[in-house]
């Protein structure tokens, strides 16, 4: 994990160049033992488990029980990558057509399996539509503590405060 964190520091100095970060994360060879201490599940909601955070980036493990979903949300215009480490997740990417009235266009829907890399994402939803657990590794350039949630049914965009389920391998 230290090698990954040190490499992310180098990418921070380079402003996270997509042509370098994307292949690096796509071919990243992390063993499940390296992630185990950050894998906390909850039957009621997906969990955001902080691995490392500093001014330039944030590294997180997100754990998904069957049926759990992250609603359509934005990433504050920052670069974000998500790599499936275990299981599979449905990823839907959107483009904002207008903000008033709110109108999003579904760009693509992917059933992402182990090893799949999504990103850099802007607006998307993620859902575990399988009957098995899933784990994803997320890299956020320029961390943020709140984001917009898009409700397609009501046409409303709401701002929410983000929280961690665990930090550095310990439950919050």
N, C-alpha and C. Protein backbone atom coordinates (compact mmCIF):
# COMPACT_ATOMS: atom_id res chain seq x y z
N UNK A 1 0.83 -1.19 0.00
CA UNK A 1 0.00 0.00 0.00
C UNK A 1 0.87 1.26 0.00
N UNK A 2 2.02 1.16 0.66
CA UNK A 2 2.92 2.33 0.71
C UNK A 2 3.42 2.71 -0.68
N UNK A 3 3.68 1.72 -1.52
CA UNK A 3 4.12 2.01 -2.89
C UNK A 3 3.04 2.77 -3.64
N UNK A 4 1.80 2.32 -3.52
CA UNK A 4 0.68 3.01 -4.16
C UNK A 4 0.57 4.44 -3.67
N UNK A 5 0.64 4.64 -2.37
CA UNK A 5 0.53 5.99 -1.80
C UNK A 5 1.68 6.87 -2.29
N UNK A 6 2.88 6.34 -2.31
CA UNK A 6 4.02 7.14 -2.80
C UNK A 6 3.88 7.47 -4.28
N UNK A 7 3.38 6.53 -5.08
CA UNK A 7 3.16 6.81 -6.50
C UNK A 7 2.07 7.86 -6.69
N UNK A 8 1.03 7.82 -5.85
CA UNK A 8 -0.02 8.84 -5.94
C UNK A 8 0.53 10.22 -5.58
N UNK A 9 1.47 10.27 -4.68
CA UNK A 9 2.13 11.56 -4.36
C UNK A 9 2.84 12.12 -5.59
N UNK A 10 3.49 11.26 -6.34
CA UNK A 10 4.16 11.70 -7.57
C UNK A 10 3.12 12.21 -8.57
N UNK A 11 2.01 11.48 -8.71
CA UNK A 11 0.95 11.94 -9.62
C UNK A 11 0.36 13.27 -9.17
N UNK A 12 0.31 13.49 -7.85
CA UNK A 12 -0.18 14.77 -7.32
C UNK A 12 0.68 15.92 -7.84
N UNK A 13 2.00 15.73 -7.78
CA UNK A 13 2.92 16.77 -8.26
C UNK A 13 2.75 17.05 -9.75
N UNK A 14 2.22 16.06 -10.49
CA UNK A 14 2.03 16.19 -11.94
C UNK A 14 0.58 16.55 -12.29
N UNK A 15 -0.24 16.87 -11.28
CA UNK A 15 -1.65 17.20 -11.46
C UNK A 15 -2.46 16.02 -12.03
N UNK A 16 -2.13 14.83 -11.59
CA UNK A 16 -2.85 13.61 -11.96
C UNK A 16 -3.10 13.49 -13.47
N UNK A 17 -2.03 13.35 -14.25
CA UNK A 17 -2.21 13.23 -15.71
C UNK A 17 -2.95 11.93 -16.05
N UNK A 18 -4.09 12.07 -16.71
CA UNK A 18 -4.92 10.90 -17.02
C UNK A 18 -4.17 9.86 -17.81
N UNK A 19 -3.30 10.28 -18.74
CA UNK A 19 -2.58 9.33 -19.58
C UNK A 19 -1.56 8.51 -18.81
N UNK A 20 -1.26 8.90 -17.58
CA UNK A 20 -0.36 8.12 -16.71
C UNK A 20 -1.13 7.41 -15.60
N UNK A 21 -2.07 8.12 -14.98
CA UNK A 21 -2.80 7.55 -13.84
C UNK A 21 -3.70 6.39 -14.28
N UNK A 22 -4.41 6.56 -15.38
CA UNK A 22 -5.34 5.53 -15.83
C UNK A 22 -4.65 4.19 -16.08
N UNK A 23 -3.58 4.12 -16.89
CA UNK A 23 -2.93 2.82 -17.06
C UNK A 23 -2.29 2.30 -15.78
N UNK A 24 -1.77 3.20 -14.95
CA UNK A 24 -1.17 2.78 -13.69
C UNK A 24 -2.20 2.05 -12.84
N UNK A 25 -3.38 2.64 -12.67
CA UNK A 25 -4.42 2.03 -11.84
C UNK A 25 -5.02 0.79 -12.51
N UNK A 26 -5.12 0.81 -13.82
CA UNK A 26 -5.69 -0.34 -14.54
C UNK A 26 -4.85 -1.59 -14.29
N UNK A 27 -3.53 -1.44 -14.29
CA UNK A 27 -2.65 -2.60 -14.15
C UNK A 27 -2.07 -2.76 -12.74
N UNK A 28 -2.63 -2.03 -11.80
CA UNK A 28 -2.19 -2.11 -10.41
C UNK A 28 -2.38 -3.54 -9.88
N UNK A 29 -1.37 -4.05 -9.23
CA UNK A 29 -1.42 -5.41 -8.69
C UNK A 29 -1.48 -5.35 -7.17
N UNK A 30 -2.69 -5.20 -6.65
CA UNK A 30 -2.89 -5.20 -5.20
C UNK A 30 -3.43 -6.56 -4.79
N UNK A 31 -2.90 -7.10 -3.74
CA UNK A 31 -3.38 -8.38 -3.23
C UNK A 31 -4.47 -8.12 -2.19
N UNK A 32 -5.41 -9.06 -2.09
CA UNK A 32 -6.54 -8.86 -1.18
C UNK A 32 -6.07 -8.65 0.26
N UNK A 33 -4.93 -9.23 0.63
CA UNK A 33 -4.41 -9.04 1.98
C UNK A 33 -4.07 -7.57 2.26
N UNK A 34 -3.69 -6.84 1.22
CA UNK A 34 -3.35 -5.43 1.38
C UNK A 34 -4.59 -4.57 1.66
N UNK A 35 -5.75 -5.06 1.29
CA UNK A 35 -6.99 -4.30 1.47
C UNK A 35 -7.81 -4.75 2.67
N UNK A 36 -7.56 -5.95 3.17
CA UNK A 36 -8.42 -6.55 4.19
C UNK A 36 -8.67 -5.64 5.39
N UNK A 37 -7.65 -4.97 5.89
CA UNK A 37 -7.84 -4.15 7.10
C UNK A 37 -8.74 -2.95 6.86
N UNK A 38 -9.03 -2.64 5.59
CA UNK A 38 -9.89 -1.50 5.25
C UNK A 38 -11.29 -1.93 4.82
N UNK A 39 -11.55 -3.23 4.81
CA UNK A 39 -12.82 -3.75 4.31
C UNK A 39 -13.82 -3.95 5.44
N UNK A 40 -14.68 -2.98 5.61
CA UNK A 40 -15.78 -3.07 6.58
C UNK A 40 -17.08 -3.00 5.80
N UNK A 41 -17.97 -3.95 6.07
CA UNK A 41 -19.26 -4.00 5.40
C UNK A 41 -20.36 -3.65 6.40
N UNK A 42 -21.48 -3.18 5.88
CA UNK A 42 -22.67 -2.93 6.68
C UNK A 42 -23.85 -3.42 5.85
N UNK A 43 -24.77 -4.12 6.45
CA UNK A 43 -25.88 -4.68 5.67
C UNK A 43 -26.86 -3.62 5.20
N UNK A 44 -26.84 -2.43 5.83
CA UNK A 44 -27.82 -1.39 5.50
C UNK A 44 -27.34 -0.37 4.48
N UNK A 45 -26.04 -0.20 4.32
CA UNK A 45 -25.52 0.81 3.40
C UNK A 45 -24.10 0.45 2.99
N UNK A 46 -23.71 0.95 1.82
CA UNK A 46 -22.32 0.73 1.40
C UNK A 46 -21.42 1.56 2.31
N UNK A 47 -20.17 1.13 2.47
CA UNK A 47 -19.28 1.82 3.41
C UNK A 47 -18.11 2.47 2.68
N UNK A 48 -17.77 3.66 3.14
CA UNK A 48 -16.63 4.42 2.64
C UNK A 48 -15.52 4.32 3.69
N UNK A 49 -14.45 3.64 3.32
CA UNK A 49 -13.38 3.32 4.27
C UNK A 49 -12.09 4.01 3.84
N UNK A 50 -11.70 5.02 4.60
CA UNK A 50 -10.54 5.83 4.25
C UNK A 50 -9.24 5.06 4.49
N UNK A 51 -8.40 5.00 3.47
CA UNK A 51 -7.10 4.37 3.57
C UNK A 51 -6.03 5.42 3.85
N UNK A 52 -6.07 6.51 3.07
CA UNK A 52 -5.06 7.57 3.19
C UNK A 52 -5.64 8.86 2.64
N UNK A 53 -5.29 9.98 3.29
CA UNK A 53 -5.76 11.28 2.82
C UNK A 53 -4.69 12.32 3.11
N UNK A 54 -4.44 13.14 2.10
CA UNK A 54 -3.59 14.32 2.27
C UNK A 54 -4.11 15.37 1.31
N UNK A 55 -3.50 16.53 1.32
CA UNK A 55 -4.04 17.65 0.54
C UNK A 55 -4.26 17.30 -0.93
N UNK A 56 -3.36 16.55 -1.54
CA UNK A 56 -3.42 16.30 -2.97
C UNK A 56 -4.28 15.15 -3.43
N UNK A 57 -4.59 14.20 -2.54
CA UNK A 57 -5.39 13.05 -2.96
C UNK A 57 -5.95 12.32 -1.75
N UNK A 58 -6.90 11.44 -2.07
CA UNK A 58 -7.53 10.59 -1.07
C UNK A 58 -7.64 9.19 -1.66
N UNK A 59 -7.37 8.19 -0.86
CA UNK A 59 -7.47 6.79 -1.27
C UNK A 59 -8.48 6.11 -0.36
N UNK A 60 -9.45 5.43 -0.96
CA UNK A 60 -10.54 4.87 -0.19
C UNK A 60 -10.91 3.48 -0.71
N UNK A 61 -11.35 2.62 0.19
CA UNK A 61 -11.92 1.33 -0.17
C UNK A 61 -13.41 1.42 0.13
N UNK A 62 -14.23 1.11 -0.87
CA UNK A 62 -15.68 1.13 -0.69
C UNK A 62 -16.18 -0.30 -0.75
N UNK A 63 -16.98 -0.68 0.25
CA UNK A 63 -17.48 -2.05 0.37
C UNK A 63 -18.99 -2.07 0.15
N UNK A 64 -19.43 -2.99 -0.69
CA UNK A 64 -20.81 -3.06 -1.16
C UNK A 64 -21.40 -4.43 -0.86
N UNK A 65 -22.46 -4.48 -0.07
CA UNK A 65 -23.22 -5.71 0.08
C UNK A 65 -24.20 -5.79 -1.08
N UNK A 66 -24.76 -6.97 -1.35
CA UNK A 66 -25.70 -7.10 -2.47
C UNK A 66 -26.84 -6.09 -2.38
N UNK A 67 -27.15 -5.47 -3.51
CA UNK A 67 -28.27 -4.53 -3.60
C UNK A 67 -27.96 -3.11 -3.20
N UNK A 68 -26.80 -2.84 -2.67
CA UNK A 68 -26.48 -1.47 -2.23
C UNK A 68 -26.11 -0.59 -3.41
N UNK A 69 -26.49 0.69 -3.28
CA UNK A 69 -26.32 1.62 -4.40
C UNK A 69 -25.89 2.99 -3.91
N UNK A 70 -24.94 3.57 -4.63
CA UNK A 70 -24.61 4.99 -4.45
C UNK A 70 -25.46 5.74 -5.45
N UNK A 71 -26.24 6.72 -5.01
CA UNK A 71 -27.10 7.45 -5.94
C UNK A 71 -26.27 8.23 -6.96
N UNK A 72 -26.92 8.77 -7.95
CA UNK A 72 -26.23 9.60 -8.94
C UNK A 72 -25.60 10.77 -8.20
N UNK A 73 -24.29 10.93 -8.38
CA UNK A 73 -23.58 11.98 -7.64
C UNK A 73 -22.43 12.51 -8.47
N UNK A 74 -22.00 13.72 -8.11
CA UNK A 74 -20.89 14.36 -8.78
C UNK A 74 -19.63 14.29 -7.95
N UNK A 75 -18.53 14.69 -8.55
CA UNK A 75 -17.22 14.65 -7.90
C UNK A 75 -16.55 16.01 -7.86
N UNK A 76 -17.37 17.06 -7.77
CA UNK A 76 -16.84 18.41 -7.56
C UNK A 76 -15.87 18.84 -8.66
N UNK A 77 -16.01 18.25 -9.84
CA UNK A 77 -15.13 18.60 -10.93
C UNK A 77 -13.73 18.05 -10.79
N UNK A 78 -13.50 17.24 -9.77
CA UNK A 78 -12.17 16.67 -9.53
C UNK A 78 -12.04 15.32 -10.23
N UNK A 79 -10.82 14.92 -10.48
CA UNK A 79 -10.57 13.63 -11.11
C UNK A 79 -10.76 12.52 -10.08
N UNK A 80 -11.44 11.47 -10.51
CA UNK A 80 -11.75 10.35 -9.62
C UNK A 80 -11.69 9.06 -10.43
N UNK A 81 -11.06 8.06 -9.86
CA UNK A 81 -11.00 6.74 -10.48
C UNK A 81 -11.52 5.72 -9.49
N UNK A 82 -12.21 4.69 -9.99
CA UNK A 82 -12.68 3.59 -9.15
C UNK A 82 -12.31 2.28 -9.84
N UNK A 83 -11.66 1.41 -9.10
CA UNK A 83 -11.24 0.11 -9.65
C UNK A 83 -11.92 -1.00 -8.87
N UNK A 84 -12.53 -1.93 -9.57
CA UNK A 84 -13.20 -3.05 -8.93
C UNK A 84 -12.14 -4.05 -8.47
N UNK A 85 -12.09 -4.29 -7.17
CA UNK A 85 -11.11 -5.21 -6.59
C UNK A 85 -11.70 -6.59 -6.34
N UNK A 86 -13.02 -6.63 -6.09
CA UNK A 86 -13.68 -7.91 -5.82
C UNK A 86 -15.13 -7.80 -6.25
N UNK A 87 -15.66 -8.85 -6.86
CA UNK A 87 -17.05 -8.86 -7.26
C UNK A 87 -17.29 -8.04 -8.52
N UNK A 88 -18.52 -7.52 -8.63
CA UNK A 88 -18.88 -6.70 -9.79
C UNK A 88 -19.85 -5.61 -9.36
N UNK A 89 -19.82 -4.51 -10.09
CA UNK A 89 -20.68 -3.37 -9.82
C UNK A 89 -21.21 -2.82 -11.14
N UNK A 90 -22.44 -2.34 -11.11
CA UNK A 90 -22.97 -1.63 -12.27
C UNK A 90 -22.64 -0.15 -12.12
N UNK A 91 -21.97 0.40 -13.12
CA UNK A 91 -21.58 1.81 -13.12
C UNK A 91 -22.33 2.51 -14.24
N UNK A 92 -23.04 3.57 -13.90
CA UNK A 92 -23.74 4.39 -14.89
C UNK A 92 -23.14 5.78 -14.87
N UNK A 93 -22.61 6.21 -16.02
CA UNK A 93 -22.02 7.54 -16.14
C UNK A 93 -22.99 8.47 -16.84
N UNK A 94 -23.04 9.72 -16.36
CA UNK A 94 -23.98 10.71 -16.86
C UNK A 94 -23.27 11.99 -17.28
N UNK A 95 -23.95 12.73 -18.13
CA UNK A 95 -23.50 14.06 -18.51
C UNK A 95 -24.62 15.03 -18.17
N UNK A 96 -24.26 16.15 -17.53
CA UNK A 96 -25.27 17.15 -17.18
C UNK A 96 -25.59 17.98 -18.42
N UNK A 97 -26.85 17.92 -18.84
CA UNK A 97 -27.31 18.69 -20.00
C UNK A 97 -27.69 20.10 -19.56
N UNK A 98 -28.39 20.19 -18.44
CA UNK A 98 -28.73 21.51 -17.88
C UNK A 98 -28.91 21.37 -16.37
N UNK A 99 -28.71 22.49 -15.67
CA UNK A 99 -28.87 22.46 -14.21
C UNK A 99 -30.22 23.02 -13.78
N UNK A 100 -30.85 23.83 -14.62
CA UNK A 100 -32.15 24.40 -14.27
C UNK A 100 -33.01 24.53 -15.52
N UNK A 101 -33.89 23.57 -15.78
CA UNK A 101 -34.18 22.41 -14.92
C UNK A 101 -33.07 21.37 -15.03
N UNK A 102 -32.95 20.57 -13.97
CA UNK A 102 -31.93 19.54 -13.96
C UNK A 102 -32.23 18.50 -15.04
N UNK A 103 -31.22 18.22 -15.85
CA UNK A 103 -31.39 17.24 -16.91
C UNK A 103 -30.06 16.53 -17.12
N UNK A 104 -30.06 15.22 -16.89
CA UNK A 104 -28.86 14.40 -17.09
C UNK A 104 -29.10 13.43 -18.23
N UNK A 105 -28.04 13.15 -18.96
CA UNK A 105 -28.10 12.18 -20.05
C UNK A 105 -27.24 10.99 -19.66
N UNK A 106 -27.81 9.78 -19.73
CA UNK A 106 -27.04 8.57 -19.45
C UNK A 106 -26.06 8.34 -20.60
N UNK A 107 -24.77 8.39 -20.28
CA UNK A 107 -23.73 8.23 -21.30
C UNK A 107 -23.43 6.76 -21.53
N UNK A 108 -23.27 6.00 -20.45
CA UNK A 108 -23.06 4.56 -20.58
C UNK A 108 -23.40 3.84 -19.28
N UNK A 109 -23.66 2.54 -19.45
CA UNK A 109 -23.97 1.65 -18.31
C UNK A 109 -23.07 0.43 -18.48
N UNK A 110 -22.27 0.16 -17.47
CA UNK A 110 -21.28 -0.91 -17.58
C UNK A 110 -21.43 -1.86 -16.39
N UNK A 111 -21.43 -3.16 -16.68
CA UNK A 111 -21.32 -4.14 -15.61
C UNK A 111 -19.83 -4.37 -15.41
N UNK A 112 -19.29 -3.75 -14.38
CA UNK A 112 -17.85 -3.73 -14.14
C UNK A 112 -17.45 -4.90 -13.24
N UNK A 113 -16.54 -5.71 -13.74
CA UNK A 113 -16.07 -6.86 -12.99
C UNK A 113 -14.68 -6.60 -12.44
N UNK A 114 -14.18 -7.54 -11.66
CA UNK A 114 -12.87 -7.39 -11.03
C UNK A 114 -11.82 -6.94 -12.05
N UNK A 115 -11.09 -5.89 -11.68
CA UNK A 115 -10.05 -5.34 -12.55
C UNK A 115 -10.52 -4.17 -13.40
N UNK A 116 -11.84 -3.97 -13.50
CA UNK A 116 -12.36 -2.87 -14.31
C UNK A 116 -12.01 -1.53 -13.64
N UNK A 117 -11.63 -0.56 -14.45
CA UNK A 117 -11.32 0.78 -13.95
C UNK A 117 -12.28 1.78 -14.56
N UNK A 118 -13.01 2.50 -13.71
CA UNK A 118 -13.90 3.57 -14.14
C UNK A 118 -13.23 4.89 -13.85
N UNK A 119 -13.24 5.77 -14.83
CA UNK A 119 -12.73 7.10 -14.55
C UNK A 119 -11.77 7.59 -15.60
N UNK A 120 -11.43 8.85 -15.44
CA UNK A 120 -11.91 9.69 -14.34
C UNK A 120 -13.38 10.04 -14.53
N UNK A 121 -14.16 9.80 -13.50
CA UNK A 121 -15.60 9.99 -13.53
C UNK A 121 -15.97 11.41 -13.10
N UNK A 122 -17.08 11.90 -13.63
CA UNK A 122 -17.60 13.20 -13.21
C UNK A 122 -18.92 13.01 -12.47
N UNK A 123 -19.94 12.52 -13.17
CA UNK A 123 -21.24 12.24 -12.55
C UNK A 123 -21.57 10.78 -12.84
N UNK A 124 -21.83 10.01 -11.78
CA UNK A 124 -22.18 8.61 -11.98
C UNK A 124 -22.97 8.05 -10.80
N UNK A 125 -23.51 6.85 -11.00
CA UNK A 125 -24.09 6.06 -9.92
C UNK A 125 -23.40 4.71 -9.95
N UNK A 126 -23.36 4.05 -8.81
CA UNK A 126 -22.72 2.74 -8.70
C UNK A 126 -23.66 1.86 -7.89
N UNK A 127 -23.83 0.61 -8.35
CA UNK A 127 -24.75 -0.30 -7.66
C UNK A 127 -24.22 -1.73 -7.72
N UNK A 128 -24.36 -2.43 -6.60
CA UNK A 128 -24.05 -3.85 -6.57
C UNK A 128 -25.33 -4.60 -6.91
N UNK A 129 -25.46 -5.01 -8.16
CA UNK A 129 -26.67 -5.71 -8.60
C UNK A 129 -26.51 -7.23 -8.49
N UNK A 130 -25.38 -7.68 -7.97
CA UNK A 130 -25.14 -9.13 -7.83
C UNK A 130 -25.60 -9.62 -6.46
N UNK A 131 -25.46 -10.91 -6.26
CA UNK A 131 -25.80 -11.53 -4.97
C UNK A 131 -24.57 -11.70 -4.09
N UNK A 132 -23.44 -11.18 -4.54
CA UNK A 132 -22.18 -11.30 -3.80
C UNK A 132 -21.69 -9.93 -3.37
N UNK A 133 -20.81 -9.90 -2.39
CA UNK A 133 -20.21 -8.63 -1.97
C UNK A 133 -19.27 -8.12 -3.07
N UNK A 134 -19.00 -6.83 -3.02
CA UNK A 134 -18.05 -6.22 -3.95
C UNK A 134 -17.19 -5.22 -3.18
N UNK A 135 -15.98 -5.01 -3.69
CA UNK A 135 -15.04 -4.05 -3.10
C UNK A 135 -14.45 -3.23 -4.23
N UNK A 136 -14.43 -1.92 -4.06
CA UNK A 136 -13.82 -1.04 -5.06
C UNK A 136 -12.81 -0.12 -4.38
N UNK A 137 -11.75 0.17 -5.11
CA UNK A 137 -10.69 1.06 -4.66
C UNK A 137 -10.85 2.39 -5.38
N UNK A 138 -10.92 3.49 -4.62
CA UNK A 138 -11.18 4.81 -5.20
C UNK A 138 -10.02 5.75 -4.94
N UNK A 139 -9.65 6.48 -5.97
CA UNK A 139 -8.63 7.52 -5.88
C UNK A 139 -9.31 8.83 -6.25
N UNK A 140 -9.23 9.81 -5.36
CA UNK A 140 -9.80 11.13 -5.60
C UNK A 140 -8.66 12.15 -5.58
N UNK A 141 -8.50 12.87 -6.68
CA UNK A 141 -7.55 13.99 -6.70
C UNK A 141 -8.24 15.16 -6.00
N UNK A 142 -7.53 15.89 -5.20
CA UNK A 142 -8.09 17.02 -4.44
C UNK A 142 -9.35 16.60 -3.68
N UNK A 143 -9.19 15.95 -2.54
CA UNK A 143 -10.33 15.44 -1.78
C UNK A 143 -11.39 16.50 -1.47
N UNK A 144 -12.62 16.05 -1.35
CA UNK A 144 -13.74 16.93 -1.03
C UNK A 144 -14.59 16.25 0.03
N UNK A 145 -15.31 17.05 0.85
CA UNK A 145 -16.09 16.48 1.95
C UNK A 145 -17.59 16.59 1.76
N UNK A 146 -18.02 17.10 0.61
CA UNK A 146 -19.44 17.14 0.28
C UNK A 146 -19.59 17.02 -1.23
N UNK A 147 -20.77 16.62 -1.67
CA UNK A 147 -21.00 16.49 -3.11
C UNK A 147 -22.48 16.65 -3.41
N UNK A 148 -22.78 16.77 -4.70
CA UNK A 148 -24.17 16.89 -5.15
C UNK A 148 -24.74 15.51 -5.46
N UNK A 149 -25.98 15.30 -5.02
CA UNK A 149 -26.74 14.09 -5.33
C UNK A 149 -27.86 14.51 -6.27
N UNK A 150 -28.01 13.79 -7.37
CA UNK A 150 -29.01 14.11 -8.38
C UNK A 150 -30.18 13.14 -8.26
N UNK A 151 -31.39 13.68 -8.04
CA UNK A 151 -32.59 12.87 -7.95
C UNK A 151 -33.35 13.02 -9.26
N UNK A 152 -33.29 12.00 -10.10
CA UNK A 152 -33.91 12.07 -11.43
C UNK A 152 -35.44 12.10 -11.34
N UNK A 153 -36.01 11.50 -10.30
CA UNK A 153 -37.46 11.47 -10.19
C UNK A 153 -38.04 12.83 -9.86
N UNK A 154 -37.38 13.57 -8.97
CA UNK A 154 -37.90 14.87 -8.57
C UNK A 154 -37.27 16.02 -9.35
N UNK A 155 -36.16 15.74 -10.04
CA UNK A 155 -35.46 16.80 -10.77
C UNK A 155 -34.70 17.74 -9.85
N UNK A 156 -34.37 17.26 -8.65
CA UNK A 156 -33.72 18.10 -7.65
C UNK A 156 -32.28 17.62 -7.43
N UNK A 157 -31.39 18.59 -7.26
CA UNK A 157 -29.99 18.31 -6.92
C UNK A 157 -29.78 18.78 -5.49
N UNK A 158 -29.35 17.87 -4.62
CA UNK A 158 -29.12 18.18 -3.21
C UNK A 158 -27.65 18.04 -2.86
N UNK A 159 -27.21 18.88 -1.94
CA UNK A 159 -25.83 18.84 -1.45
C UNK A 159 -25.81 18.00 -0.18
N UNK A 160 -24.88 17.03 -0.11
CA UNK A 160 -24.77 16.22 1.10
C UNK A 160 -23.34 16.26 1.63
N UNK A 161 -23.23 16.06 2.94
CA UNK A 161 -21.93 15.95 3.61
C UNK A 161 -21.51 14.49 3.56
N UNK A 162 -20.28 14.22 3.17
CA UNK A 162 -19.78 12.85 3.07
C UNK A 162 -19.19 12.41 4.41
N UNK A 163 -19.31 11.11 4.69
CA UNK A 163 -18.79 10.56 5.93
C UNK A 163 -18.03 9.27 5.65
N UNK A 164 -17.15 8.92 6.56
CA UNK A 164 -16.42 7.66 6.47
C UNK A 164 -17.02 6.66 7.45
N UNK A 165 -16.97 5.39 7.07
CA UNK A 165 -17.37 4.32 7.97
C UNK A 165 -16.18 3.89 8.83
N UNK A 166 -15.00 3.94 8.21
CA UNK A 166 -13.76 3.67 8.94
C UNK A 166 -12.67 4.57 8.41
N UNK A 167 -11.65 4.78 9.24
CA UNK A 167 -10.50 5.59 8.85
C UNK A 167 -9.24 4.85 9.24
N UNK A 168 -8.37 4.63 8.27
CA UNK A 168 -7.06 4.02 8.49
C UNK A 168 -7.16 2.63 9.14
N UNK A 169 -8.24 1.90 8.79
CA UNK A 169 -8.41 0.55 9.29
C UNK A 169 -9.17 0.43 10.60
N UNK A 170 -9.69 1.55 11.13
CA UNK A 170 -10.44 1.53 12.40
C UNK A 170 -11.84 2.12 12.17
N UNK A 171 -12.86 1.47 12.72
CA UNK A 171 -14.23 1.97 12.61
C UNK A 171 -14.34 3.35 13.23
N UNK A 172 -15.15 4.20 12.62
CA UNK A 172 -15.36 5.55 13.16
C UNK A 172 -16.32 5.50 14.34
